[in-house]
Protein backbone atom coordinates (compact mmCIF):
# COMPACT_ATOMS: atom_id res chain seq x y z
CA UNK A 1 15.10 -55.16 -21.33
CA UNK A 2 11.79 -55.13 -23.20
CA UNK A 3 9.09 -52.47 -22.34
CA UNK A 4 5.52 -51.92 -23.38
CA UNK A 5 3.96 -48.50 -23.14
CA UNK A 6 0.52 -48.06 -22.34
CA UNK A 7 -0.88 -44.69 -22.49
CA UNK A 8 -4.75 -44.00 -20.73
CA UNK A 9 -6.97 -41.49 -22.39
CA UNK A 10 -10.55 -40.91 -24.15
CA UNK A 11 -9.25 -38.03 -25.43
CA UNK A 12 -6.34 -39.44 -27.15
CA UNK A 13 -8.23 -41.75 -28.58
CA UNK A 14 -10.59 -38.83 -29.86
CA UNK A 15 -7.63 -37.03 -31.39
CA UNK A 16 -7.92 -34.20 -29.21
CA UNK A 17 -4.51 -34.66 -27.62
CA UNK A 18 -1.44 -35.72 -29.23
CA UNK A 19 0.11 -38.43 -27.29
CA UNK A 20 3.66 -36.68 -26.98
CA UNK A 21 4.24 -38.53 -23.68
CA UNK A 22 4.79 -41.97 -25.62
CA UNK A 23 7.16 -40.29 -28.37
CA UNK A 24 8.98 -38.73 -25.56
CA UNK A 25 9.06 -41.90 -23.49
CA UNK A 26 9.97 -44.09 -26.06
CA UNK A 27 13.05 -41.34 -27.00
CA UNK A 28 14.41 -41.76 -23.44
CA UNK A 29 14.12 -45.62 -22.99
CA UNK A 30 15.79 -45.59 -26.54
CA UNK A 31 18.70 -43.62 -25.20
CA UNK A 32 19.19 -46.18 -22.26
CA UNK A 33 19.51 -49.09 -24.75
CA UNK A 34 15.78 -50.47 -23.91
CA UNK A 35 13.84 -51.73 -26.43
CA UNK A 36 10.34 -50.56 -26.36
CA UNK A 37 7.98 -53.51 -28.22
CA UNK A 38 4.46 -52.31 -27.62
CA UNK A 39 2.73 -48.92 -27.72
CA UNK A 40 -0.99 -49.20 -26.98
CA UNK A 41 -3.76 -46.19 -26.33
CA UNK A 42 -6.93 -47.15 -24.01
CA UNK A 43 -9.81 -45.81 -23.42
CA UNK A 44 -10.53 -44.19 -19.84
CA UNK A 45 -12.23 -48.11 -18.68
CA UNK A 46 -10.97 -50.34 -15.74
CA UNK A 47 -11.54 -53.23 -17.98
CA UNK A 48 -9.54 -52.26 -20.65
CA UNK A 49 -6.64 -50.90 -18.42
CA UNK A 50 -6.81 -54.30 -16.70
CA UNK A 51 -6.81 -56.62 -19.72
CA UNK A 52 -3.75 -55.31 -21.26
CA UNK A 53 -1.82 -54.26 -18.14
CA UNK A 54 -2.19 -58.30 -17.24
CA UNK A 55 -1.37 -59.23 -20.84
CA UNK A 56 1.62 -57.15 -21.13
CA UNK A 57 3.38 -57.55 -17.73
CA UNK A 58 3.28 -61.17 -18.61
CA UNK A 59 5.46 -60.54 -22.04
CA UNK A 60 7.77 -57.57 -21.39
CA UNK A 61 10.31 -57.03 -18.58
CA UNK A 62 7.81 -53.77 -17.80
CA UNK A 63 5.16 -52.19 -18.40
CA UNK A 64 4.93 -48.28 -18.11
CA UNK A 65 1.41 -46.51 -17.96
CA UNK A 66 0.86 -42.91 -18.17
CA UNK A 67 -2.45 -40.79 -17.56
CA UNK A 68 -5.58 -41.49 -15.84
CA UNK A 69 -4.10 -40.15 -12.04
CA UNK A 70 -5.99 -38.17 -9.92
CA UNK A 71 -9.29 -38.01 -7.77
CA UNK A 72 -11.76 -37.12 -10.96
CA UNK A 73 -14.35 -39.38 -11.97
CA UNK A 74 -12.17 -40.62 -15.33
CA UNK A 75 -8.79 -41.21 -13.35
CA UNK A 76 -9.36 -44.64 -13.13
CA UNK A 77 -6.21 -45.87 -14.26
CA UNK A 78 -5.00 -47.20 -10.49
CA UNK A 79 -7.96 -49.32 -10.45
CA UNK A 80 -7.25 -50.55 -13.66
CA UNK A 81 -3.65 -51.39 -12.39
CA UNK A 82 -5.08 -52.80 -9.09
CA UNK A 83 -7.63 -55.21 -10.98
CA UNK A 84 -4.94 -56.30 -13.10
CA UNK A 85 -3.26 -57.88 -10.57
CA UNK A 86 -6.16 -58.99 -8.19
CA UNK A 87 -5.24 -56.25 -5.46
CA UNK A 88 -7.32 -53.48 -3.98
CA UNK A 89 -7.12 -49.85 -3.90
CA UNK A 90 -6.08 -47.93 -0.68
CA UNK A 91 -4.60 -44.96 0.75
CA UNK A 92 -0.92 -44.86 0.87
CA UNK A 93 1.18 -43.46 3.70
CA UNK A 94 4.27 -42.50 1.94
CA UNK A 95 2.09 -40.69 -0.50
CA UNK A 96 0.36 -39.28 1.86
CA UNK A 97 3.27 -37.94 3.63
CA UNK A 98 4.90 -36.39 0.43
CA UNK A 99 1.77 -34.50 -0.06
CA UNK A 100 1.63 -33.20 4.12
CA UNK A 101 5.24 -32.40 3.27
CA UNK A 102 4.16 -30.56 0.21
CA UNK A 103 1.83 -28.21 2.08
CA UNK A 104 -1.36 -30.20 1.56
CA UNK A 105 -3.79 -31.07 4.20
CA UNK A 106 -6.06 -34.28 3.98
CA UNK A 107 -9.24 -31.41 4.00
CA UNK A 108 -7.04 -29.64 0.96
CA UNK A 109 -7.22 -32.81 -1.15
CA UNK A 110 -9.38 -34.74 -2.90
CA UNK A 111 -10.75 -38.25 -2.11
CA UNK A 112 -8.65 -40.86 -3.53
CA UNK A 113 -5.52 -38.46 -4.46
CA UNK A 114 -3.53 -40.56 -2.04
CA UNK A 115 -4.94 -44.03 -3.29
CA UNK A 116 -2.69 -46.38 -4.80
CA UNK A 117 -3.03 -50.56 -5.54
CA UNK A 118 -2.02 -52.28 -2.12
CA UNK A 119 1.75 -53.05 -1.71
CA UNK A 120 3.04 -50.50 -4.41
CA UNK A 121 5.68 -48.52 -3.91
CA UNK A 122 5.07 -44.92 -4.59
CA UNK A 123 6.27 -42.36 -6.77
CA UNK A 124 6.08 -38.68 -5.64
CA UNK A 125 4.97 -36.17 -8.03
CA UNK A 126 7.59 -33.22 -7.67
CA UNK A 127 5.82 -30.59 -10.16
CA UNK A 128 1.93 -32.12 -9.69
CA UNK A 129 -0.20 -33.77 -6.80
CA UNK A 130 -1.52 -36.98 -8.08
CA UNK A 131 1.29 -39.80 -7.03
CA UNK A 132 2.71 -42.59 -9.47
CA UNK A 133 3.37 -46.29 -8.53
CA UNK A 134 5.59 -49.14 -9.24
CA UNK A 135 4.37 -52.84 -8.66
CA UNK A 136 5.14 -56.26 -9.91
CA UNK A 137 7.22 -54.12 -12.80
CA UNK A 138 4.43 -52.36 -13.84
CA UNK A 139 5.39 -48.26 -13.59
CA UNK A 140 2.45 -45.85 -13.71
CA UNK A 141 2.77 -42.42 -14.17
CA UNK A 142 0.63 -39.38 -14.73
CA UNK A 143 -0.07 -38.18 -18.14
CA UNK A 144 0.30 -34.27 -17.58
CA UNK A 145 3.82 -34.31 -19.84
CA UNK A 146 5.55 -32.29 -17.42
CA UNK A 147 4.90 -34.24 -14.61
CA UNK A 148 5.37 -37.37 -16.45
CA UNK A 149 8.90 -36.63 -17.44
CA UNK A 150 9.77 -35.59 -13.92
CA UNK A 151 8.50 -38.76 -12.40
CA UNK A 152 10.01 -40.99 -15.08
CA UNK A 153 13.42 -39.10 -14.58
CA UNK A 154 13.29 -40.09 -10.95
CA UNK A 155 13.39 -43.98 -11.81
CA UNK A 156 14.97 -43.64 -15.24
CA UNK A 157 18.17 -45.91 -13.89
CA UNK A 158 15.47 -48.66 -13.46
CA UNK A 159 15.45 -49.02 -17.19
CA UNK A 160 18.81 -50.65 -18.61
CA UNK A 161 19.84 -52.33 -21.73
CA UNK A 162 22.52 -52.38 -24.34
CA UNK A 163 23.10 -48.99 -25.99
CA UNK A 164 22.87 -48.59 -29.27
CA UNK A 165 24.11 -46.18 -31.68
CA UNK A 166 22.35 -44.60 -34.62
CA UNK A 167 23.57 -42.57 -37.90
CA UNK A 168 21.19 -41.70 -40.74
CA UNK A 169 22.45 -40.95 -44.42
CA UNK A 170 19.79 -38.86 -46.63
CA UNK A 171 19.42 -40.27 -50.41
CA UNK A 172 18.10 -38.11 -53.15
CA UNK A 173 16.91 -41.10 -55.18
CA UNK A 174 13.53 -43.40 -55.10
CA UNK A 175 13.67 -45.65 -52.27
CA UNK A 176 13.32 -48.64 -54.94
CA UNK A 177 16.40 -47.62 -56.47
CA UNK A 178 18.02 -48.07 -53.30
CA UNK A 179 17.29 -51.76 -52.48
CA UNK A 180 20.46 -53.13 -54.25
CA UNK A 181 22.57 -50.99 -51.87
CA UNK A 182 20.69 -51.64 -48.84
CA UNK A 183 20.65 -55.24 -49.39
CA UNK A 184 24.57 -55.12 -49.96
CA UNK A 185 25.01 -52.88 -46.73
CA UNK A 186 23.53 -55.28 -44.62
CA UNK A 187 25.35 -58.46 -45.88
CA UNK A 188 28.88 -56.40 -44.89
CA UNK A 189 27.80 -55.14 -41.86
CA UNK A 190 26.15 -56.09 -38.32
CA UNK A 191 23.69 -53.23 -38.40
CA UNK A 192 19.95 -52.91 -38.73
CA UNK A 193 18.41 -50.53 -41.49
CA UNK A 194 15.59 -48.53 -41.89
CA UNK A 195 14.35 -46.27 -44.59
CA UNK A 196 11.97 -43.51 -44.66
CA UNK A 197 10.64 -41.89 -47.78
CA UNK A 198 9.75 -38.32 -48.19
CA UNK A 199 11.06 -35.44 -50.44
CA UNK A 200 14.40 -37.78 -50.07
CA UNK A 201 14.89 -41.06 -48.56
CA UNK A 202 16.38 -41.16 -44.77
CA UNK A 203 18.20 -44.50 -43.96
CA UNK A 204 18.81 -44.81 -40.63
CA UNK A 205 21.85 -47.49 -39.27
CA UNK A 206 21.40 -48.89 -35.73
CA UNK A 207 23.73 -51.01 -34.09
CA UNK A 208 25.35 -52.40 -30.84
CA UNK A 209 29.02 -51.09 -32.04
CA UNK A 210 29.55 -47.44 -32.41
CA UNK A 211 32.53 -47.99 -34.72
CA UNK A 212 30.76 -50.33 -36.87
CA UNK A 213 27.59 -48.26 -37.26
CA UNK A 214 29.99 -45.32 -38.19
CA UNK A 215 31.58 -47.64 -41.25
CA UNK A 216 28.56 -48.64 -42.56
CA UNK A 217 27.38 -45.14 -42.83
CA UNK A 218 30.53 -43.84 -44.53
CA UNK A 219 30.17 -46.76 -47.03
CA UNK A 220 26.48 -45.92 -47.92
CA UNK A 221 27.26 -42.04 -47.85
CA UNK A 222 29.82 -43.08 -50.97
CA UNK A 223 27.30 -45.09 -52.87
CA UNK A 224 24.16 -42.74 -52.67
CA UNK A 225 23.22 -39.72 -54.15
CA UNK A 226 22.85 -36.92 -52.05
CA UNK A 227 22.08 -32.92 -51.77
């Protein structure tokens, strides 16, 4: 399963808010064997949201959109998703019923709180208010991290793939000095390899067979200098 993640918000692009939602989602999806092939941040503009969502839904099995849910002037993600699909936005009976069951009345809710793209499946926001939505492989989640995480966990089983296994080997050598051993490692073992230099070099091995990944990591550890 290949997925794209779209985060919405001017505050993300301005650097005022750290995009922890994208990192968390990528980690959770990877844990489920799902491949994330795009992470894109767009401003609070309907046209930008619609264009990116429309492009990605044609390329990937699912698109997860976070941020911009609610009734305020800059909460326009539902409008953008609806525009991408050529749908209207309308009050959703299930979303309204959930909110009323949580103790809200129509008078309590700001106009537009329970409005979703026509035909969407509503996702209840247990820790918050603004509902999420699912339609045509597009999953729309809140931007508040606690709300986003809770809502994702409620639909996590809809994201499946081949489990992958990962091991890390830390080498106390320059990255350039490791090239020959990394090349030999790739020839010997069916694993993908990434190297990440810093004070030391962290070499990450990934594969779909746990025993192969473990064997490859053991082979490499015997051939690098480590602290």
